[in-house]
Amino acid sequence: MKKLTNALIVTVSSAAGLFALAMAVPGSAQTSALAMMSGLNKGEWTITFRDGTPSRQICVRDGTEFIQLQHTVQTCSRFVIEDNATEVTVQYTCRGNGYGRTTIRRETGALVQIDTQGIVDGRPFDLSAEARRTGSC
């Protein structure tokens, strides 16, 4: 029985260590550019929501502005789920004010498709939009 207990403790400790390591990696990845974002044109973009929500203009400097459309002024932790040349998916958590998961698919350097869902101010959101570069900031 003691051997089983010791083996269980080692297994749990190893799992906890691996979990801590996995949680540390995304934080360090946040400082590097996302692959898909590097192909986007900088400048003013117009976001057109498919549900009839009024369009919004944003100034895009590096493309990450598309990730938190519902948590725009908050500093949130991010975890990159997928990052390739044409699509990025990011899960983010805004301590005390919800979370979201956003997928951005690049069609061209001036056109992207955005799907985002989560919780903000205690209420769920689920938005689908198209964003196009419309000028300079």
N, C-alpha and C. Protein backbone atom coordinates (compact mmCIF):
# COMPACT_ATOMS: atom_id res chain seq x y z
N MET A 1 0.82 -1.19 0.00
CA MET A 1 0.00 0.00 0.00
C MET A 1 0.87 1.26 0.00
N LYS A 2 1.97 1.22 0.79
CA LYS A 2 2.86 2.37 0.86
C LYS A 2 3.50 2.65 -0.50
N LYS A 3 3.88 1.58 -1.25
CA LYS A 3 4.46 1.75 -2.58
C LYS A 3 3.45 2.43 -3.51
N LEU A 4 2.20 2.01 -3.44
CA LEU A 4 1.15 2.59 -4.27
C LEU A 4 0.96 4.06 -3.94
N THR A 5 0.95 4.40 -2.66
CA THR A 5 0.80 5.78 -2.23
C THR A 5 1.97 6.62 -2.72
N ASN A 6 3.20 6.12 -2.58
CA ASN A 6 4.37 6.85 -3.05
C ASN A 6 4.34 7.04 -4.56
N ALA A 7 3.92 6.00 -5.28
CA ALA A 7 3.81 6.10 -6.75
C ALA A 7 2.78 7.14 -7.14
N LEU A 8 1.68 7.19 -6.40
CA LEU A 8 0.63 8.16 -6.67
C LEU A 8 1.14 9.58 -6.42
N ILE A 9 1.87 9.77 -5.35
CA ILE A 9 2.43 11.08 -5.03
C ILE A 9 3.40 11.54 -6.12
N VAL A 10 4.26 10.63 -6.59
CA VAL A 10 5.21 10.96 -7.66
C VAL A 10 4.44 11.32 -8.94
N THR A 11 3.41 10.54 -9.27
CA THR A 11 2.62 10.81 -10.46
C THR A 11 1.93 12.16 -10.38
N VAL A 12 1.31 12.47 -9.24
CA VAL A 12 0.63 13.75 -9.07
C VAL A 12 1.64 14.89 -9.12
N SER A 13 2.80 14.72 -8.48
CA SER A 13 3.84 15.75 -8.51
C SER A 13 4.33 15.99 -9.93
N SER A 14 4.54 14.91 -10.68
CA SER A 14 4.98 15.05 -12.07
C SER A 14 3.94 15.76 -12.91
N ALA A 15 2.68 15.40 -12.72
CA ALA A 15 1.60 16.04 -13.47
C ALA A 15 1.52 17.52 -13.13
N ALA A 16 1.67 17.86 -11.86
CA ALA A 16 1.63 19.26 -11.44
C ALA A 16 2.79 20.03 -12.07
N GLY A 17 3.96 19.42 -12.11
CA GLY A 17 5.13 20.06 -12.73
C GLY A 17 4.92 20.29 -14.20
N LEU A 18 4.40 19.30 -14.90
CA LEU A 18 4.12 19.45 -16.33
C LEU A 18 3.08 20.53 -16.58
N PHE A 19 2.05 20.58 -15.72
CA PHE A 19 1.02 21.61 -15.86
C PHE A 19 1.64 23.00 -15.68
N ALA A 20 2.48 23.15 -14.67
CA ALA A 20 3.14 24.45 -14.43
C ALA A 20 4.00 24.84 -15.62
N LEU A 21 4.71 23.89 -16.20
CA LEU A 21 5.54 24.15 -17.36
C LEU A 21 4.67 24.57 -18.55
N ALA A 22 3.58 23.86 -18.77
CA ALA A 22 2.69 24.18 -19.89
C ALA A 22 2.09 25.57 -19.72
N MET A 23 1.77 25.94 -18.50
CA MET A 23 1.19 27.26 -18.26
C MET A 23 2.23 28.35 -18.44
N ALA A 24 3.50 28.06 -18.22
CA ALA A 24 4.55 29.06 -18.37
C ALA A 24 4.85 29.33 -19.83
N VAL A 25 4.75 28.34 -20.69
CA VAL A 25 5.10 28.50 -22.10
C VAL A 25 4.22 29.53 -22.80
N PRO A 26 2.88 29.51 -22.66
CA PRO A 26 2.07 30.50 -23.35
C PRO A 26 2.42 31.92 -22.96
N GLY A 27 2.76 32.16 -21.70
CA GLY A 27 3.12 33.50 -21.28
C GLY A 27 4.33 34.02 -22.03
N SER A 28 5.30 33.16 -22.26
CA SER A 28 6.48 33.60 -22.99
C SER A 28 6.17 33.77 -24.47
N ALA A 29 5.19 33.02 -24.98
CA ALA A 29 4.83 33.14 -26.39
C ALA A 29 4.10 34.45 -26.66
N GLN A 30 3.57 35.09 -25.61
CA GLN A 30 2.82 36.32 -25.82
C GLN A 30 3.70 37.46 -26.31
N THR A 31 4.97 37.40 -26.03
CA THR A 31 5.84 38.49 -26.44
C THR A 31 6.24 38.38 -27.91
N SER A 32 6.09 37.21 -28.50
CA SER A 32 6.43 37.06 -29.90
C SER A 32 5.22 37.35 -30.77
N ALA A 33 5.47 37.75 -32.00
CA ALA A 33 4.39 38.07 -32.93
C ALA A 33 3.69 36.79 -33.35
N LEU A 34 2.38 36.88 -33.53
CA LEU A 34 1.63 35.75 -34.05
C LEU A 34 1.88 35.69 -35.55
N ALA A 35 2.08 34.49 -36.09
CA ALA A 35 2.45 34.30 -37.49
C ALA A 35 1.47 34.97 -38.45
N MET A 36 0.18 34.77 -38.25
CA MET A 36 -0.81 35.32 -39.17
C MET A 36 -0.85 36.85 -39.14
N MET A 37 -0.62 37.44 -37.98
CA MET A 37 -0.72 38.89 -37.85
C MET A 37 0.34 39.64 -38.65
N SER A 38 1.48 39.02 -38.87
CA SER A 38 2.57 39.70 -39.58
C SER A 38 2.20 40.00 -41.04
N GLY A 39 1.21 39.33 -41.59
CA GLY A 39 0.80 39.56 -42.96
C GLY A 39 -0.31 40.59 -43.12
N LEU A 40 -0.74 41.22 -42.02
CA LEU A 40 -1.83 42.20 -42.11
C LEU A 40 -1.29 43.61 -42.36
N ASN A 41 -2.02 44.37 -43.17
CA ASN A 41 -1.65 45.76 -43.43
C ASN A 41 -2.01 46.61 -42.22
N LYS A 42 -1.12 47.50 -41.85
CA LYS A 42 -1.37 48.41 -40.73
C LYS A 42 -2.29 49.53 -41.20
N GLY A 43 -3.01 50.14 -40.26
CA GLY A 43 -3.87 51.28 -40.60
C GLY A 43 -5.26 51.15 -40.01
N GLU A 44 -6.19 51.96 -40.53
CA GLU A 44 -7.56 51.92 -40.04
C GLU A 44 -8.31 50.76 -40.69
N TRP A 45 -9.03 50.03 -39.88
CA TRP A 45 -9.85 48.91 -40.34
C TRP A 45 -11.28 49.13 -39.89
N THR A 46 -12.22 48.71 -40.71
CA THR A 46 -13.64 48.76 -40.34
C THR A 46 -14.11 47.34 -40.09
N ILE A 47 -14.67 47.14 -38.90
CA ILE A 47 -15.21 45.83 -38.53
C ILE A 47 -16.72 45.86 -38.74
N THR A 48 -17.22 44.97 -39.58
CA THR A 48 -18.65 44.86 -39.86
C THR A 48 -19.15 43.57 -39.22
N PHE A 49 -20.06 43.73 -38.25
CA PHE A 49 -20.60 42.58 -37.52
C PHE A 49 -21.77 41.98 -38.28
N ARG A 50 -21.85 40.67 -38.31
CA ARG A 50 -22.90 39.98 -39.07
C ARG A 50 -24.27 40.01 -38.39
N ASP A 51 -24.32 40.35 -37.09
CA ASP A 51 -25.60 40.35 -36.38
C ASP A 51 -26.29 41.71 -36.40
N GLY A 52 -25.73 42.67 -37.12
CA GLY A 52 -26.35 43.99 -37.19
C GLY A 52 -25.80 44.99 -36.19
N THR A 53 -24.91 44.56 -35.30
CA THR A 53 -24.24 45.50 -34.39
C THR A 53 -23.56 46.56 -35.25
N PRO A 54 -23.64 47.84 -34.83
CA PRO A 54 -23.00 48.89 -35.64
C PRO A 54 -21.53 48.61 -35.91
N SER A 55 -21.08 48.98 -37.11
CA SER A 55 -19.67 48.81 -37.50
C SER A 55 -18.78 49.61 -36.56
N ARG A 56 -17.53 49.21 -36.49
CA ARG A 56 -16.57 49.88 -35.62
C ARG A 56 -15.27 50.06 -36.39
N GLN A 57 -14.64 51.22 -36.24
CA GLN A 57 -13.32 51.46 -36.83
C GLN A 57 -12.28 51.33 -35.73
N ILE A 58 -11.18 50.66 -36.07
CA ILE A 58 -10.07 50.56 -35.13
C ILE A 58 -8.77 50.81 -35.88
N CYS A 59 -7.79 51.27 -35.16
CA CYS A 59 -6.46 51.48 -35.73
C CYS A 59 -5.63 50.22 -35.43
N VAL A 60 -5.19 49.55 -36.47
CA VAL A 60 -4.45 48.31 -36.32
C VAL A 60 -2.95 48.59 -36.45
N ARG A 61 -2.22 48.28 -35.38
CA ARG A 61 -0.77 48.45 -35.37
C ARG A 61 -0.06 47.12 -35.61
N ASP A 62 -0.61 46.05 -34.97
CA ASP A 62 0.04 44.74 -35.12
C ASP A 62 -0.96 43.60 -35.30
N GLY A 63 -2.24 43.89 -35.35
CA GLY A 63 -3.26 42.87 -35.57
C GLY A 63 -3.85 42.30 -34.30
N THR A 64 -3.16 42.42 -33.18
CA THR A 64 -3.69 41.86 -31.94
C THR A 64 -4.93 42.62 -31.47
N GLU A 65 -5.19 43.78 -32.05
CA GLU A 65 -6.38 44.55 -31.69
C GLU A 65 -7.68 43.79 -31.97
N PHE A 66 -7.61 42.82 -32.88
CA PHE A 66 -8.80 42.03 -33.22
C PHE A 66 -9.12 40.96 -32.18
N ILE A 67 -8.19 40.63 -31.32
CA ILE A 67 -8.37 39.52 -30.39
C ILE A 67 -9.42 39.80 -29.33
N GLN A 68 -9.40 40.98 -28.74
CA GLN A 68 -10.30 41.32 -27.63
C GLN A 68 -11.31 42.38 -28.04
N LEU A 69 -12.21 42.08 -28.93
CA LEU A 69 -13.19 43.06 -29.39
C LEU A 69 -14.19 43.44 -28.29
N GLN A 70 -14.45 42.56 -27.36
CA GLN A 70 -15.40 42.84 -26.28
C GLN A 70 -14.71 43.26 -24.98
N HIS A 71 -13.43 43.12 -24.89
CA HIS A 71 -12.66 43.51 -23.70
C HIS A 71 -11.55 44.47 -24.15
N THR A 72 -11.91 45.52 -24.86
CA THR A 72 -10.92 46.35 -25.55
C THR A 72 -9.94 47.09 -24.65
N VAL A 73 -10.37 47.59 -23.52
CA VAL A 73 -9.47 48.42 -22.70
C VAL A 73 -8.86 47.67 -21.54
N GLN A 74 -8.98 46.37 -21.52
CA GLN A 74 -8.50 45.59 -20.39
C GLN A 74 -7.22 44.83 -20.73
N THR A 75 -6.38 44.70 -19.74
CA THR A 75 -5.20 43.86 -19.87
C THR A 75 -5.61 42.46 -19.46
N CYS A 76 -5.54 41.54 -20.38
CA CYS A 76 -5.98 40.16 -20.13
C CYS A 76 -4.83 39.21 -20.44
N SER A 77 -4.82 38.07 -19.76
CA SER A 77 -3.82 37.06 -20.08
C SER A 77 -4.30 36.29 -21.31
N ARG A 78 -3.36 35.89 -22.14
CA ARG A 78 -3.70 35.21 -23.40
C ARG A 78 -2.99 33.87 -23.50
N PHE A 79 -3.69 32.94 -24.14
CA PHE A 79 -3.15 31.61 -24.40
C PHE A 79 -3.38 31.32 -25.87
N VAL A 80 -2.32 31.14 -26.64
CA VAL A 80 -2.42 30.89 -28.07
C VAL A 80 -2.74 29.41 -28.29
N ILE A 81 -3.88 29.15 -28.92
CA ILE A 81 -4.30 27.78 -29.19
C ILE A 81 -3.81 27.32 -30.55
N GLU A 82 -3.93 28.20 -31.54
CA GLU A 82 -3.47 27.88 -32.90
C GLU A 82 -2.82 29.13 -33.48
N ASP A 83 -1.73 28.93 -34.20
CA ASP A 83 -1.02 30.05 -34.81
C ASP A 83 -0.34 29.54 -36.07
N ASN A 84 -0.93 29.85 -37.22
CA ASN A 84 -0.28 29.49 -38.48
C ASN A 84 -0.36 30.67 -39.44
N ALA A 85 0.03 30.50 -40.66
CA ALA A 85 0.14 31.61 -41.61
C ALA A 85 -1.19 32.26 -41.97
N THR A 86 -2.31 31.54 -41.84
CA THR A 86 -3.59 32.11 -42.26
C THR A 86 -4.65 32.18 -41.15
N GLU A 87 -4.37 31.58 -39.99
CA GLU A 87 -5.38 31.59 -38.93
C GLU A 87 -4.73 31.56 -37.56
N VAL A 88 -5.36 32.28 -36.63
CA VAL A 88 -4.90 32.29 -35.25
C VAL A 88 -6.13 32.14 -34.35
N THR A 89 -5.99 31.35 -33.29
CA THR A 89 -7.03 31.22 -32.26
C THR A 89 -6.38 31.50 -30.92
N VAL A 90 -6.99 32.42 -30.17
CA VAL A 90 -6.45 32.84 -28.88
C VAL A 90 -7.55 32.79 -27.83
N GLN A 91 -7.26 32.18 -26.71
CA GLN A 91 -8.15 32.20 -25.55
C GLN A 91 -7.58 33.23 -24.60
N TYR A 92 -8.43 34.11 -24.05
CA TYR A 92 -7.94 35.11 -23.12
C TYR A 92 -8.84 35.18 -21.89
N THR A 93 -8.25 35.60 -20.78
CA THR A 93 -8.97 35.74 -19.52
C THR A 93 -8.70 37.12 -18.95
N CYS A 94 -9.77 37.83 -18.62
CA CYS A 94 -9.67 39.16 -18.03
C CYS A 94 -10.10 39.03 -16.58
N ARG A 95 -9.14 38.97 -15.70
CA ARG A 95 -9.42 38.71 -14.29
C ARG A 95 -10.52 39.63 -13.76
N GLY A 96 -11.59 39.03 -13.27
CA GLY A 96 -12.69 39.79 -12.69
C GLY A 96 -13.72 40.29 -13.70
N ASN A 97 -13.48 40.08 -15.00
CA ASN A 97 -14.45 40.57 -15.98
C ASN A 97 -14.65 39.63 -17.17
N GLY A 98 -14.45 38.36 -16.98
CA GLY A 98 -14.79 37.41 -18.03
C GLY A 98 -13.62 36.92 -18.84
N TYR A 99 -13.97 36.38 -20.00
CA TYR A 99 -12.97 35.74 -20.86
C TYR A 99 -13.51 35.69 -22.28
N GLY A 100 -12.68 35.24 -23.20
CA GLY A 100 -13.11 35.09 -24.58
C GLY A 100 -12.20 34.14 -25.34
N ARG A 101 -12.70 33.74 -26.46
CA ARG A 101 -11.92 32.89 -27.39
C ARG A 101 -12.18 33.46 -28.78
N THR A 102 -11.11 33.85 -29.46
CA THR A 102 -11.23 34.51 -30.76
C THR A 102 -10.44 33.75 -31.81
N THR A 103 -11.07 33.54 -32.97
CA THR A 103 -10.40 32.98 -34.13
C THR A 103 -10.41 34.04 -35.23
N ILE A 104 -9.25 34.30 -35.78
CA ILE A 104 -9.10 35.28 -36.86
C ILE A 104 -8.51 34.55 -38.07
N ARG A 105 -9.21 34.66 -39.19
CA ARG A 105 -8.74 34.01 -40.42
C ARG A 105 -8.42 35.09 -41.44
N ARG A 106 -7.19 35.09 -41.92
CA ARG A 106 -6.76 36.09 -42.91
C ARG A 106 -7.10 35.60 -44.31
N GLU A 107 -7.82 36.44 -45.05
CA GLU A 107 -8.07 36.16 -46.46
C GLU A 107 -7.05 36.87 -47.33
N THR A 108 -6.78 38.13 -46.99
CA THR A 108 -5.71 38.90 -47.63
C THR A 108 -5.11 39.78 -46.54
N GLY A 109 -4.13 40.56 -46.88
CA GLY A 109 -3.52 41.47 -45.92
C GLY A 109 -4.46 42.58 -45.48
N ALA A 110 -5.58 42.75 -46.21
CA ALA A 110 -6.53 43.81 -45.90
C ALA A 110 -7.93 43.29 -45.61
N LEU A 111 -8.08 41.98 -45.40
CA LEU A 111 -9.40 41.39 -45.15
C LEU A 111 -9.26 40.17 -44.24
N VAL A 112 -9.98 40.20 -43.10
CA VAL A 112 -9.98 39.06 -42.17
C VAL A 112 -11.41 38.74 -41.74
N GLN A 113 -11.59 37.49 -41.34
CA GLN A 113 -12.86 37.02 -40.76
C GLN A 113 -12.60 36.76 -39.28
N ILE A 114 -13.53 37.22 -38.43
CA ILE A 114 -13.35 37.12 -36.99
C ILE A 114 -14.55 36.42 -36.36
N ASP A 115 -14.28 35.45 -35.50
CA ASP A 115 -15.31 34.81 -34.69
C ASP A 115 -14.82 34.87 -33.25
N THR A 116 -15.67 35.41 -32.36
CA THR A 116 -15.29 35.54 -30.96
C THR A 116 -16.49 35.26 -30.07
N GLN A 117 -16.24 34.58 -28.97
CA GLN A 117 -17.30 34.32 -28.01
C GLN A 117 -16.70 34.27 -26.62
N GLY A 118 -17.56 34.49 -25.62
CA GLY A 118 -17.08 34.47 -24.24
C GLY A 118 -18.08 35.11 -23.30
N ILE A 119 -17.55 35.67 -22.23
CA ILE A 119 -18.34 36.33 -21.19
C ILE A 119 -17.73 37.70 -20.93
N VAL A 120 -18.58 38.74 -20.89
CA VAL A 120 -18.14 40.09 -20.51
C VAL A 120 -19.22 40.69 -19.61
N ASP A 121 -18.81 41.31 -18.51
CA ASP A 121 -19.75 41.89 -17.54
C ASP A 121 -20.82 40.89 -17.12
N GLY A 122 -20.45 39.62 -17.00
CA GLY A 122 -21.38 38.59 -16.55
C GLY A 122 -22.36 38.10 -17.61
N ARG A 123 -22.22 38.59 -18.85
CA ARG A 123 -23.14 38.19 -19.93
C ARG A 123 -22.37 37.55 -21.07
N PRO A 124 -22.97 36.53 -21.70
CA PRO A 124 -22.30 35.89 -22.83
C PRO A 124 -22.33 36.75 -24.09
N PHE A 125 -21.34 36.56 -24.93
CA PHE A 125 -21.34 37.18 -26.26
C PHE A 125 -20.88 36.15 -27.27
N ASP A 126 -21.33 36.32 -28.50
CA ASP A 126 -20.96 35.44 -29.60
C ASP A 126 -21.06 36.28 -30.87
N LEU A 127 -19.93 36.71 -31.38
CA LEU A 127 -19.92 37.62 -32.52
C LEU A 127 -19.14 37.04 -33.70
N SER A 128 -19.65 37.35 -34.87
CA SER A 128 -18.97 37.00 -36.11
C SER A 128 -18.87 38.28 -36.92
N ALA A 129 -17.70 38.54 -37.50
CA ALA A 129 -17.50 39.80 -38.20
C ALA A 129 -16.48 39.65 -39.32
N GLU A 130 -16.51 40.66 -40.18
CA GLU A 130 -15.52 40.79 -41.24
C GLU A 130 -14.84 42.12 -41.03
N ALA A 131 -13.52 42.16 -41.15
CA ALA A 131 -12.78 43.42 -40.99
C ALA A 131 -11.99 43.68 -42.27
N ARG A 132 -12.07 44.94 -42.73
CA ARG A 132 -11.36 45.37 -43.93
C ARG A 132 -10.54 46.62 -43.63
N ARG A 133 -9.38 46.68 -44.23
CA ARG A 133 -8.57 47.89 -44.09
C ARG A 133 -9.23 48.98 -44.92
N THR A 134 -9.44 50.15 -44.30
CA THR A 134 -10.16 51.23 -44.97
C THR A 134 -9.37 52.52 -45.09
N GLY A 135 -8.16 52.57 -44.56
CA GLY A 135 -7.37 53.79 -44.67
C GLY A 135 -6.23 53.84 -43.68
N SER A 136 -5.74 55.04 -43.47
CA SER A 136 -4.64 55.27 -42.53
C SER A 136 -5.17 55.75 -41.19
N CYS A 137 -4.41 55.55 -40.16
CA CYS A 137 -4.77 56.03 -38.80
C CYS A 137 -4.21 57.43 -38.60
